[in-house]
Structures are given as structure tokens and as C-alpha cells.
Amino acid sequence: MSRFRINWDLIKDILFGIFTLGVWFLLKPKPGQRKSVVREWVDAIIFAVIAATIIRTFFIEAYTIPTPSMEKSLLVGDFLFVSKVSYGARIPMTPLSFPFAHHTLPLVGGKSYLEWIKIGYHRLPGFGKVNRGDCVVFNWPAENLGRPVDKKENYIKRCIGLPGDTIELKDRDVFINGNLLPLPTNSQTSYHVQTDGSGFSEQAIDKFGLRGGERLSPSEFNFYLTRSAAENLKSLGNVQKVEPNMVPPRIYQDFIFPFNSKYGWNVDNFGPLWIPRKGETIKIDTGNIDFYRKVIGEYEGNKLEERNDKIYVNGSEITQYTFKMNYYFMMGDNRHNSADSRFWGFVPEDHVVGKAVFIWMSWDTNGNFLNKIRWGRLFHLIPNN
């Protein structure tokens, strides 16, 4: 005899639906009824929630930077406004959700959305398209928690590869279609620093951005630094050597896309890799399926099978494939402290949320009193390089 198991997710969905219907019936105007003060307040709150939801869904939304993957371009504690109209607002794929909650209910936890209604990928016309150098907010493609696309975690990275581009990293340098891509102005990479055995003063730590570094020995450190900071650090009397940390070519790192040792790719030597473009048809075989397996099977909703060195899509053998969406390659400006497309591959266009346009507030947890606010970053436009 099978044991009865309660489906708590279903029960929460049902209760949430009953609550939503109850509120609607409660607020439904009755003929000849005069609104009470409480009713007027409730109506005002409902109107404010609806207006704010429309604004954040279709026009602009606030985000915060929780990790250092974009430093020094964007800092932990930066509060951003992200434009939905820059690329065209994405129609909510999961429209039944709790206001102002992304995927988890505040306080009580659990899903903040219902999957009774699911809408496919649609986007309103926008002012432009994703350009190289844009700081883009997107839903993290590698998330495997079973959430709908628009409820996956939000990430922000810089777009460096566009649909149809071929990207390659050689000794930390990025090449797009064979051309060297300059580092963003405030981009950081990892450096090995050797001193005479002494450490660094608080003044030097603040001046050169040494917080979060790693002390390997009394005289050796690893720091994430901009190129200018690395050069200027050499001027300190106790600093003997500043050298870039780099993984040599053909040293395979198993956490790097496409997770196959035959390529020997790592964080500093990667590719060449072609980025899929909508409508483009390419040859598909066992020689390149590693790059496009997730695109074909997961992002574009096909049943992909590999048998006897042959590729099958939806039951039919294929030797070529035409892509249904555009894809992008994203990287963090803090190149050695960023989980980005080198680690999980392409970002599909249906995962793109919007463009980060300016910083309206910046909060420094290491600051004191009024210095906790980074005054120079308030209402600071986010550059495309």
C-alpha cells in the first residue's frame, strides 16, 4: 500500500490563488456603495503596487551589486537602475507572482510565483540592441533549480561577444574575430605581489584597492588589481615584485566550458568559440556538439540524443542545425574573480533582462559614518568600456 504524500507546493499554489481571488472580490465596487477611509487607503495602495509593477516590468528596475565580479567598474554596494526599454521589455513569462519578489516570498520563504499560466518568450520593441561593452543584467543560464527562465537568479556582466562573433582568449587577452579587445578601463586581474616581508598600511590598502587579497606568506600576496594600480604599486618601497597570475595554455581546468579535457581550455586561454546567431545554419557533428549541446537541447527546447557518433534532434538524425535565438558571451570586469560565460557558456536572448544605465546610490560597508556613502558614485553613468 503506497504512502500518501502531501504536495506542499501545490497546496501553497492553491492557497495563494484563493487569497488573490478573495482580495479581488473584497475590493470589487458595489453599486451605490460609498468608499470608507480604509477602502480609499487600500485602493491607493493597490494602485501604487500596480503602477510600480508596471514601471519595474516594462521601463526601469532597481538592482544592487552583491559580488565583486565587476570591480572596479561596479563595486559591491552599488545600487543601479536597469533599463528595460534599452533592448525592449520582456513580457513576463510567469505572470502570476507576488509583487516586488523575484522568486522567493519575503519572510515566509517558498515560491513567489504560480506556474498556472506560462507565456513563451516575447519582447517589446526597444531603443536598441545589446552592444559590445554593455553592462547587461540577465537570468543566470546555468541555474538548475527548475525555476522558469524569468525567475532564475539575476547576474550582471559585460557583454564582450555578440551573435556571430568568434571569441578567443590568449594569455588573458580577449580577441573577437581575431582582433584584440581592449580591457575595460577599470578592469581587474590577479597579480602576485612580493614584498620585503612587511605588509601594507590602511592608507595603501585604500589607495591601491588591496582589500580582499590573499596573503600566501609573510612576503607574498595575491591581489585583484587594475593595470594602473599594479604599476603604481611597484613604487612602494617595500614592494619587490608585481607579476600577473596566469594559467598557461593547454592547462585544462575542468570547471571551464565546455568541460572537456580534449580542448585544454582554462580561464586565461579559451577558444576559439563561435557564438550562435539567430537564423544561422552550421554543421553539427561530434566534433562541435560539446559547444552547442545545451543550446539545442535546453535553451531551444529540442529533444537531443547522441547515438553511435550521430546526432538526433526530435527523433531525426541531423548533420546541420539552424539556431532559433541570438546568444551572447558575458564576462566580468574582475577577470579572475568572476563566474561568467567561460564557466557556463552562452547567454540566450530570452534570458536578457536589461541594460544597467546608472548608479543612484553606492554604499561602502568598510567606510565610517558619512564615508559609508561613496558620494562620487551617486548618479554616476555606467560606461560601455
Protein backbone atom coordinates (compact mmCIF):
# COMPACT_ATOMS: atom_id res chain seq x y z
CA MET A 1 0.00 0.00 0.00
CA SER A 2 1.56 3.32 -1.08
CA ARG A 3 2.08 6.07 1.46
CA PHE A 4 0.07 9.27 0.97
CA ARG A 5 2.36 12.28 0.48
CA ILE A 6 1.26 15.89 0.72
CA ASN A 7 2.25 18.10 -2.20
CA TRP A 8 3.05 21.27 -0.27
CA ASP A 9 3.94 23.27 -3.37
CA LEU A 10 0.50 22.54 -4.84
CA ILE A 11 -1.21 23.48 -1.56
CA LYS A 12 0.72 26.78 -1.41
CA ASP A 13 -0.25 27.50 -5.04
CA ILE A 14 -3.92 26.84 -4.26
CA LEU A 15 -3.89 28.99 -1.10
CA PHE A 16 -2.14 31.81 -2.94
CA GLY A 17 -4.76 31.63 -5.69
CA ILE A 18 -7.63 31.67 -3.16
CA PHE A 19 -6.05 34.68 -1.41
CA THR A 20 -5.71 36.55 -4.72
CA LEU A 21 -9.34 35.88 -5.67
CA GLY A 22 -10.50 36.87 -2.18
CA VAL A 23 -8.75 40.23 -2.39
CA TRP A 24 -10.29 40.86 -5.79
CA PHE A 25 -13.83 40.13 -4.56
CA LEU A 26 -13.27 42.20 -1.41
CA LEU A 27 -12.22 45.27 -3.37
CA LYS A 28 -14.79 44.91 -6.13
CA PRO A 29 -17.01 48.04 -6.01
CA LYS A 30 -20.66 47.54 -5.15
CA PRO A 31 -23.35 49.73 -6.79
CA GLY A 32 -24.16 52.78 -4.65
CA GLN A 33 -21.53 51.95 -2.03
CA ARG A 34 -19.57 54.87 -0.60
CA LYS A 35 -15.88 54.25 -0.03
CA SER A 36 -14.66 54.28 3.55
CA VAL A 37 -11.29 55.79 4.58
CA VAL A 38 -9.88 52.27 4.87
CA ARG A 39 -11.17 51.42 1.42
CA GLU A 40 -9.61 54.57 -0.05
CA TRP A 41 -6.25 53.70 1.52
CA VAL A 42 -6.49 50.14 0.21
CA ASP A 43 -7.35 51.43 -3.27
CA ALA A 44 -4.39 53.81 -3.16
CA ILE A 45 -2.03 51.03 -2.10
CA ILE A 46 -3.35 48.71 -4.80
CA PHE A 47 -2.93 51.44 -7.40
CA ALA A 48 0.64 52.16 -6.21
CA VAL A 49 1.55 48.47 -6.35
CA ILE A 50 0.13 48.10 -9.85
CA ALA A 51 1.85 51.28 -11.10
CA ALA A 52 5.19 50.28 -9.56
CA THR A 53 4.90 46.77 -11.01
CA ILE A 54 4.26 48.16 -14.49
CA ILE A 55 7.22 50.54 -14.20
CA ARG A 56 9.66 47.87 -12.99
CA THR A 57 8.42 45.30 -15.51
CA PHE A 58 8.37 47.43 -18.63
CA PHE A 59 10.53 50.51 -18.01
CA ILE A 60 13.17 50.56 -15.27
CA GLU A 61 14.08 48.50 -12.21
CA ALA A 62 16.50 48.86 -9.31
CA TYR A 63 19.24 46.29 -8.68
CA THR A 64 22.18 46.04 -6.32
CA ILE A 65 25.72 44.66 -6.82
CA PRO A 66 26.28 41.86 -4.26
CA THR A 67 29.63 40.42 -5.50
CA PRO A 68 32.98 41.83 -6.71
CA SER A 69 32.87 40.22 -10.17
CA MET A 70 32.58 43.61 -11.92
CA GLU A 71 35.12 45.57 -9.86
CA LYS A 72 36.45 48.16 -10.24
CA SER A 73 33.83 49.19 -12.80
CA LEU A 74 30.93 48.34 -10.48
CA LEU A 75 31.51 47.98 -6.76
CA VAL A 76 29.85 45.85 -4.11
CA GLY A 77 27.19 48.11 -2.63
CA ASP A 78 26.40 49.96 -5.86
CA PHE A 79 22.66 50.41 -6.43
CA LEU A 80 21.76 50.50 -10.11
CA PHE A 81 18.86 51.40 -12.31
CA VAL A 82 18.45 48.92 -15.14
CA SER A 83 16.65 49.99 -18.28
CA LYS A 84 14.12 47.54 -19.68
CA VAL A 85 13.42 49.73 -22.72
CA SER A 86 17.03 49.74 -23.98
CA TYR A 87 16.60 46.27 -25.52
CA GLY A 88 12.81 46.12 -25.28
CA ALA A 89 10.95 44.93 -22.20
CA ARG A 90 10.50 41.19 -21.92
CA ILE A 91 6.88 40.11 -21.46
CA PRO A 92 6.71 38.23 -18.10
CA MET A 93 6.95 34.52 -18.82
CA THR A 94 5.49 33.70 -15.40
CA PRO A 95 2.91 36.48 -14.92
CA LEU A 96 1.28 35.24 -11.69
CA SER A 97 3.68 36.34 -8.97
CA PHE A 98 3.87 38.19 -5.66
CA PRO A 99 4.62 41.92 -6.18
CA PHE A 100 8.27 43.02 -5.83
CA ALA A 101 9.52 39.48 -5.07
CA HIS A 102 11.77 37.81 -7.62
CA HIS A 103 11.50 34.09 -6.93
CA THR A 104 11.11 33.74 -3.15
CA LEU A 105 8.42 35.08 -0.84
CA PRO A 106 9.76 37.57 1.73
CA LEU A 107 9.85 36.43 5.38
CA VAL A 108 8.00 33.13 4.91
CA GLY A 109 10.05 31.76 2.03
CA GLY A 110 8.75 29.47 -0.71
CA LYS A 111 7.97 30.29 -4.33
CA SER A 112 6.74 33.81 -5.00
CA TYR A 113 5.10 32.82 -8.28
CA LEU A 114 2.50 30.45 -9.71
CA GLU A 115 3.09 28.37 -12.82
CA TRP A 116 -0.58 28.01 -13.71
CA ILE A 117 0.00 30.37 -16.64
CA LYS A 118 3.19 30.28 -18.68
CA ILE A 119 3.89 32.63 -21.57
CA GLY A 120 6.59 31.98 -24.14
CA TYR A 121 9.41 34.37 -24.89
CA HIS A 122 8.21 37.71 -26.28
CA ARG A 123 9.90 41.11 -26.19
CA LEU A 124 8.51 44.58 -26.87
CA PRO A 125 10.35 46.85 -29.31
CA GLY A 126 13.27 48.63 -27.67
CA PHE A 127 15.50 51.62 -28.29
CA GLY A 128 18.34 49.40 -29.46
CA LYS A 129 20.01 46.04 -29.13
CA VAL A 130 22.72 44.52 -26.96
CA ASN A 131 26.05 46.07 -27.93
CA ARG A 132 29.58 45.00 -27.16
CA GLY A 133 30.65 46.65 -23.93
CA ASP A 134 27.16 46.96 -22.42
CA CYS A 135 26.74 46.01 -18.77
CA VAL A 136 23.84 43.58 -19.06
CA VAL A 137 21.53 42.13 -16.40
CA PHE A 138 20.38 38.63 -17.29
CA ASN A 139 18.95 35.48 -15.75
CA TRP A 140 21.75 33.04 -14.93
CA PRO A 141 21.54 30.29 -17.60
CA ALA A 142 23.43 27.68 -15.56
CA GLU A 143 20.89 27.62 -12.73
CA ASN A 144 19.43 24.12 -12.41
CA LEU A 145 16.81 24.60 -9.68
CA GLY A 146 13.88 24.12 -12.04
CA ARG A 147 12.73 27.74 -11.96
CA PRO A 148 11.21 29.40 -15.06
CA VAL A 149 13.65 31.49 -17.09
CA ASP A 150 12.44 34.83 -15.73
CA LYS A 151 12.70 33.59 -12.13
CA LYS A 152 16.31 32.44 -12.30
CA GLU A 153 18.91 34.44 -10.36
CA ASN A 154 19.88 37.79 -11.83
CA TYR A 155 23.51 38.30 -12.87
CA ILE A 156 25.29 41.33 -14.27
CA LYS A 157 28.31 41.10 -16.58
CA ARG A 158 29.76 42.96 -19.53
CA CYS A 159 28.83 41.71 -23.00
CA ILE A 160 32.04 41.09 -24.95
CA GLY A 161 30.79 38.61 -27.57
CA LEU A 162 27.83 39.19 -29.91
CA PRO A 163 25.87 36.71 -32.05
CA GLY A 164 28.06 35.51 -34.90
CA ASP A 165 31.34 36.51 -33.24
CA THR A 166 34.25 34.16 -32.66
CA ILE A 167 35.85 34.67 -29.27
CA GLU A 168 39.27 33.56 -28.08
CA LEU A 169 41.41 34.24 -25.00
CA LYS A 170 45.19 34.08 -25.30
CA ASP A 171 47.22 34.65 -22.13
CA ARG A 172 44.39 36.70 -20.58
CA ASP A 173 43.88 38.89 -23.67
CA VAL A 174 40.48 38.68 -25.40
CA PHE A 175 40.27 38.50 -29.19
CA ILE A 176 37.00 39.00 -31.08
CA ASN A 177 37.07 37.81 -34.69
CA GLY A 178 40.87 37.88 -34.48
CA ASN A 179 41.06 41.46 -33.17
CA LEU A 180 42.36 42.34 -29.70
CA LEU A 181 39.59 43.65 -27.43
CA PRO A 182 40.94 46.35 -25.07
CA LEU A 183 40.35 45.79 -21.37
CA PRO A 184 37.61 47.93 -19.81
CA THR A 185 39.18 50.98 -18.17
CA ASN A 186 38.68 49.73 -14.61
CA SER A 187 39.04 46.02 -15.25
CA GLN A 188 40.95 43.95 -12.69
CA THR A 189 43.02 40.79 -12.95
CA SER A 190 45.03 38.78 -10.45
CA TYR A 191 48.61 39.75 -9.58
CA HIS A 192 51.28 38.12 -7.45
CA VAL A 193 52.96 40.69 -5.20
CA GLN A 194 56.18 40.11 -3.28
CA THR A 195 57.36 42.45 -0.50
CA ASP A 196 60.35 42.60 1.82
CA GLY A 197 58.28 40.77 4.42
CA SER A 198 56.20 43.72 5.59
CA GLY A 199 52.52 44.23 4.97
CA PHE A 200 50.55 47.24 3.78
CA SER A 201 49.21 50.22 5.69
CA GLU A 202 45.49 51.05 5.73
CA GLN A 203 46.28 54.07 3.58
CA ALA A 204 47.95 51.87 0.93
CA ILE A 205 45.13 49.33 1.11
CA ASP A 206 42.56 52.03 0.37
CA LYS A 207 44.70 53.80 -2.26
CA PHE A 208 45.52 50.72 -4.33
CA GLY A 209 42.36 48.71 -3.64
CA LEU A 210 44.02 45.84 -1.80
CA ARG A 211 41.07 44.69 0.28
CA GLY A 212 40.04 41.11 -0.32
CA GLY A 213 43.55 40.00 -1.23
CA GLU A 214 45.17 36.76 -0.16
CA ARG A 215 48.35 36.55 1.91
CA LEU A 216 50.32 33.50 0.81
CA SER A 217 53.30 34.00 3.14
CA PRO A 218 54.79 36.87 5.19
CA SER A 219 56.18 38.36 1.97
CA GLU A 220 53.81 37.11 -0.78
CA PHE A 221 50.30 38.21 -1.70
CA ASN A 222 47.71 37.77 -4.42
CA PHE A 223 45.63 40.86 -5.25
CA TYR A 224 42.98 41.75 -7.82
CA LEU A 225 44.30 44.96 -9.39
CA THR A 226 43.74 47.25 -12.34
CA ARG A 227 46.74 47.62 -14.64
CA SER A 228 47.38 51.15 -13.40
CA ALA A 229 47.17 50.06 -9.74
CA ALA A 230 49.62 47.22 -10.44
CA GLU A 231 52.11 49.65 -11.99
CA ASN A 232 51.71 52.20 -9.19
CA LEU A 233 52.09 49.52 -6.53
CA LYS A 234 55.66 48.95 -7.72
CA SER A 235 56.55 52.42 -6.43
CA LEU A 236 56.09 51.39 -2.79
CA GLY A 237 59.40 50.94 -1.00
CA ASN A 238 58.56 47.53 0.45
CA VAL A 239 57.32 46.04 -2.86
CA GLN A 240 59.93 43.96 -4.69
CA LYS A 241 57.90 42.35 -7.47
CA VAL A 242 54.45 42.62 -9.09
CA GLU A 243 53.65 39.93 -11.68
CA PRO A 244 50.41 38.86 -13.35
CA ASN A 245 48.98 35.49 -12.32
CA MET A 246 48.22 33.45 -15.41
CA VAL A 247 47.20 29.89 -16.29
CA PRO A 248 49.42 28.69 -19.17
CA PRO A 249 47.96 27.39 -22.45
CA ARG A 250 46.74 23.78 -22.61
CA ILE A 251 46.43 23.51 -18.82
CA TYR A 252 42.92 22.07 -18.60
CA GLN A 253 40.53 23.33 -15.92
CA ASP A 254 37.54 21.02 -15.58
CA PHE A 255 35.19 23.82 -14.47
CA ILE A 256 35.63 25.70 -17.75
CA PHE A 257 33.10 25.39 -20.59
CA PRO A 258 32.63 23.03 -22.45
CA PHE A 259 34.01 20.78 -19.67
CA ASN A 260 36.03 18.52 -21.94
CA SER A 261 39.76 17.88 -21.49
CA LYS A 262 40.36 17.49 -25.22
CA TYR A 263 40.19 21.27 -25.65
CA GLY A 264 42.57 22.10 -22.78
CA TRP A 265 40.79 25.41 -22.10
CA ASN A 266 41.20 27.48 -18.94
CA VAL A 267 40.28 30.94 -17.62
CA ASP A 268 43.17 32.64 -19.46
CA ASN A 269 43.37 30.53 -22.63
CA PHE A 270 39.96 29.76 -24.12
CA GLY A 271 38.52 29.15 -27.57
CA PRO A 272 38.21 29.86 -30.39
CA LEU A 273 34.44 29.58 -29.91
CA TRP A 274 31.73 30.71 -32.34
CA ILE A 275 28.68 32.38 -30.73
CA PRO A 276 25.32 31.26 -32.21
CA ARG A 277 23.30 33.76 -34.24
CA LYS A 278 19.56 33.53 -34.92
CA GLY A 279 18.82 32.08 -38.35
CA GLU A 280 22.42 30.88 -38.88
CA THR A 281 22.81 27.28 -40.02
CA ILE A 282 26.01 25.39 -39.16
CA LYS A 283 27.28 21.87 -39.47
CA ILE A 284 26.70 19.81 -36.32
CA ASP A 285 28.65 16.66 -35.53
CA THR A 286 30.57 15.00 -32.70
CA GLY A 287 33.39 17.48 -33.28
CA ASN A 288 31.42 20.54 -32.12
CA ILE A 289 28.35 19.22 -30.29
CA ASP A 290 30.04 19.94 -26.94
CA PHE A 291 29.70 23.67 -27.66
CA TYR A 292 26.04 23.64 -28.70
CA ARG A 293 24.54 20.69 -26.80
CA LYS A 294 22.83 22.88 -24.18
CA VAL A 295 21.75 25.44 -26.76
CA ILE A 296 19.98 22.87 -28.92
CA GLY A 297 18.62 20.64 -26.17
CA GLU A 298 17.75 23.02 -23.32
CA TYR A 299 17.59 26.64 -24.46
CA GLU A 300 15.79 25.90 -27.73
CA GLY A 301 13.57 23.15 -26.36
CA ASN A 302 14.54 20.18 -28.51
CA LYS A 303 14.97 16.53 -27.62
CA LEU A 304 18.65 15.96 -28.31
CA GLU A 305 20.15 12.47 -28.50
CA GLU A 306 23.64 11.24 -29.35
CA ARG A 307 23.95 7.63 -30.51
CA ASN A 308 26.72 5.85 -32.38
CA ASP A 309 28.50 9.11 -33.23
CA LYS A 310 25.32 10.52 -34.72
CA ILE A 311 23.18 13.47 -33.57
CA TYR A 312 19.38 13.24 -33.36
CA VAL A 313 17.02 16.16 -32.79
CA ASN A 314 13.40 15.33 -32.02
CA GLY A 315 13.93 11.79 -33.31
CA SER A 316 15.54 12.72 -36.64
CA GLU A 317 19.22 12.47 -37.48
CA ILE A 318 20.79 15.85 -38.28
CA THR A 319 24.05 17.00 -39.81
CA GLN A 320 23.29 20.72 -39.52
CA TYR A 321 21.26 22.98 -37.25
CA THR A 322 19.60 26.41 -37.59
CA PHE A 323 19.57 28.47 -34.39
CA LYS A 324 16.29 29.96 -33.18
CA MET A 325 17.74 32.68 -30.93
CA ASN A 326 20.69 35.01 -30.61
CA TYR A 327 23.31 34.29 -27.95
CA TYR A 328 25.87 36.39 -26.10
CA PHE A 329 29.18 35.89 -24.31
CA MET A 330 29.41 37.73 -20.97
CA MET A 331 32.47 38.38 -18.80
CA GLY A 332 33.02 40.14 -15.51
CA ASP A 333 35.45 43.06 -15.44
CA ASN A 334 37.19 41.43 -12.47
CA ARG A 335 38.50 38.78 -14.83
CA HIS A 336 39.97 36.38 -12.24
CA ASN A 337 37.12 36.72 -9.77
CA SER A 338 34.07 36.26 -11.97
CA ALA A 339 31.90 33.24 -12.77
CA ASP A 340 30.90 34.11 -16.33
CA SER A 341 30.48 32.63 -19.81
CA ARG A 342 33.89 30.97 -19.56
CA PHE A 343 32.35 28.81 -16.83
CA TRP A 344 28.89 28.05 -18.27
CA GLY A 345 28.72 29.12 -21.89
CA PHE A 346 26.31 31.34 -23.78
CA VAL A 347 23.54 33.65 -22.58
CA PRO A 348 20.37 33.18 -24.69
CA GLU A 349 18.48 36.31 -25.72
CA ASP A 350 15.39 35.20 -23.76
CA HIS A 351 17.50 35.41 -20.56
CA VAL A 352 18.42 39.08 -21.14
CA VAL A 353 16.67 41.40 -18.65
CA GLY A 354 18.02 44.87 -19.42
CA LYS A 355 20.91 47.31 -19.56
CA ALA A 356 22.50 48.83 -16.45
CA VAL A 357 22.49 52.58 -17.08
CA PHE A 358 23.45 54.46 -13.92
CA ILE A 359 24.30 54.18 -10.23
CA TRP A 360 21.88 56.07 -8.00
CA MET A 361 23.47 55.09 -4.66
CA SER A 362 26.69 53.43 -3.54
CA TRP A 363 27.25 52.06 -0.05
CA ASP A 364 30.69 51.15 1.31
CA THR A 365 30.43 48.70 4.22
CA ASN A 366 34.08 49.37 5.08
CA GLY A 367 33.54 53.12 5.37
CA ASN A 368 32.93 55.11 8.55
CA PHE A 369 29.96 57.39 9.24
CA LEU A 370 29.44 59.71 6.24
CA ASN A 371 32.18 57.90 4.33
CA LYS A 372 29.91 54.87 4.06
CA ILE A 373 28.31 56.65 1.12
CA ARG A 374 30.56 56.82 -1.92
CA TRP A 375 29.50 60.34 -2.83
CA GLY A 376 31.45 60.43 -6.08
CA ARG A 377 29.47 57.49 -7.48
CA LEU A 378 25.98 58.91 -6.88
CA PHE A 379 24.02 59.28 -10.15
CA HIS A 380 27.11 58.03 -12.00
CA LEU A 381 26.52 56.83 -15.57
CA ILE A 382 27.81 53.34 -16.30
CA PRO A 383 30.29 53.46 -19.21
CA ASN A 384 30.37 50.92 -22.03
CA ASN A 385 34.09 50.25 -21.63
